[in-house]
Amino acid sequence: MTKTPVTLFNLQHFLVAAQTKVTDDYMAWSNDEEFARKNIPHLTLEPGSRYVRIVSKSHGQRSCFGFVDLTTGDVLKSNSWKAPAKNFARGNINDENSGCGRIRWTGVF
C-alpha cells in the first residue's frame, strides 16, 4: 500500500479528531464533570523537519503526546520529548479514523 504524503489539511483534520477523542476519553475517565471540563488536555502541533510533535498541555505543563511522520502520515508513540518510537505505527492520519484509533487522553499508545 502506498502512503499518501501529509498535507496541512490532513494535519488539521487529525488534530481536530485527536482533540475530540482526548476530550471524550477524559470526560469518560473523570467522575467530576466540572473538574474534567476545566482540565482537559489541549493538543497542539510543533512541526519539525521529518516529524510533527503532538504536544499536550494540561495544568500549565507540556508533554509529548506523540508524533506524525510527515513522509507517510504514520502516527507514532513518543519515545522521548524529541524522538518517536519507531517500532510500528499506531495509525495513519489518512485512514478511516484519522489515525486516532490508538489515542487516549494520556497519549498515543
Protein backbone atom coordinates (compact mmCIF):
# COMPACT_ATOMS: atom_id res chain seq x y z
CA MET A 1 0.00 0.00 0.00
CA THR A 2 1.35 3.43 -0.96
CA LYS A 3 1.32 6.04 1.77
CA THR A 4 -0.17 9.44 0.94
CA PRO A 5 2.01 12.46 1.77
CA VAL A 6 0.88 14.65 4.63
CA THR A 7 -0.86 17.93 3.82
CA LEU A 8 -1.76 20.83 6.09
CA PHE A 9 -5.43 19.93 5.68
CA ASN A 10 -4.76 16.33 6.81
CA LEU A 11 -2.83 17.56 9.86
CA GLN A 12 -5.61 19.97 10.83
CA HIS A 13 -8.23 17.25 10.41
CA PHE A 14 -6.10 14.89 12.51
CA LEU A 15 -5.67 17.50 15.27
CA VAL A 16 -9.43 18.11 15.49
CA ALA A 17 -10.16 14.36 15.54
CA ALA A 18 -7.44 13.72 18.16
CA GLN A 19 -8.66 16.57 20.39
CA THR A 20 -12.21 15.23 20.17
CA LYS A 21 -11.01 11.74 21.10
CA VAL A 22 -8.95 13.11 24.03
CA THR A 23 -11.89 15.18 25.29
CA ASP A 24 -14.33 12.25 25.11
CA ASP A 25 -11.87 9.87 26.77
CA TYR A 26 -11.04 12.36 29.55
CA MET A 27 -14.72 13.02 30.26
CA ALA A 28 -15.39 9.26 30.45
CA TRP A 29 -12.41 8.78 32.79
CA SER A 30 -13.32 11.58 35.23
CA ASN A 31 -16.04 11.26 37.85
CA ASP A 32 -16.36 15.04 38.24
CA GLU A 33 -17.66 16.72 35.07
CA GLU A 34 -16.86 20.27 36.25
CA PHE A 35 -13.27 19.31 37.10
CA ALA A 36 -12.89 17.47 33.80
CA ARG A 37 -14.12 20.38 31.67
CA LYS A 38 -11.55 22.69 33.30
CA ASN A 39 -8.63 20.26 32.98
CA ILE A 40 -8.98 18.57 29.58
CA PRO A 41 -5.54 18.33 27.94
CA HIS A 42 -5.22 20.60 24.89
CA LEU A 43 -3.26 19.38 21.88
CA THR A 44 -1.06 21.46 19.58
CA LEU A 45 1.35 20.60 16.79
CA GLU A 46 5.02 21.59 16.57
CA PRO A 47 6.47 20.95 13.09
CA GLY A 48 9.95 19.58 12.61
CA SER A 49 11.91 18.52 9.54
CA ARG A 50 10.70 14.88 9.47
CA TYR A 51 8.14 14.62 12.28
CA VAL A 52 5.41 16.80 13.73
CA ARG A 53 5.40 16.65 17.53
CA ILE A 54 1.96 16.46 19.13
CA VAL A 55 2.12 18.39 22.40
CA SER A 56 -0.37 18.02 25.24
CA LYS A 57 -0.79 20.93 27.65
CA SER A 58 -2.54 20.44 30.96
CA HIS A 59 -2.20 22.16 34.34
CA GLY A 60 0.39 24.54 32.86
CA GLN A 61 2.71 21.70 31.86
CA ARG A 62 3.58 20.44 28.39
CA SER A 63 4.33 16.86 27.47
CA CYS A 64 4.97 14.97 24.27
CA PHE A 65 1.75 13.22 23.26
CA GLY A 66 3.12 11.55 20.11
CA PHE A 67 4.42 12.22 16.60
CA VAL A 68 3.22 12.26 12.99
CA ASP A 69 5.69 11.22 10.29
CA LEU A 70 5.50 13.87 7.55
CA THR A 71 6.57 11.48 4.79
CA THR A 72 3.98 8.75 5.44
CA GLY A 73 1.31 10.20 7.76
CA ASP A 74 2.00 7.50 10.36
CA VAL A 75 1.03 8.30 13.96
CA LEU A 76 3.81 7.22 16.32
CA LYS A 77 4.04 6.86 20.09
CA SER A 78 6.64 9.09 21.70
CA ASN A 79 9.89 7.58 22.92
CA SER A 80 11.02 10.88 24.43
CA TRP A 81 10.35 14.60 24.02
CA LYS A 82 12.49 14.66 20.88
CA ALA A 83 12.02 11.23 19.31
CA PRO A 84 9.21 8.87 18.34
CA ALA A 85 9.11 5.14 19.00
CA LYS A 86 9.75 3.78 15.51
CA ASN A 87 8.93 0.09 16.18
CA PHE A 88 5.48 0.33 14.49
CA ALA A 89 2.88 2.91 13.51
CA ARG A 90 -0.12 3.29 15.80
CA GLY A 91 -2.25 4.57 12.92
CA ASN A 92 -2.16 6.81 9.86
CA ILE A 93 -3.80 10.21 9.51
CA ASN A 94 -5.23 9.14 6.13
CA ASP A 95 -7.07 6.06 7.46
CA GLU A 96 -10.79 5.79 8.23
CA ASN A 97 -10.46 7.04 11.83
CA SER A 98 -7.92 9.79 11.02
CA GLY A 99 -5.15 7.97 12.89
CA CYS A 100 -6.97 8.21 16.22
CA GLY A 101 -7.60 4.50 16.80
CA ARG A 102 -4.82 4.20 19.39
CA ILE A 103 -5.17 7.54 21.17
CA ARG A 104 -6.30 8.11 24.74
CA TRP A 105 -6.18 11.25 26.84
CA THR A 106 -2.80 10.10 28.15
CA GLY A 107 -1.21 9.89 24.69
CA VAL A 108 -0.65 7.63 21.71
CA PHE A 109 -0.35 4.02 22.83
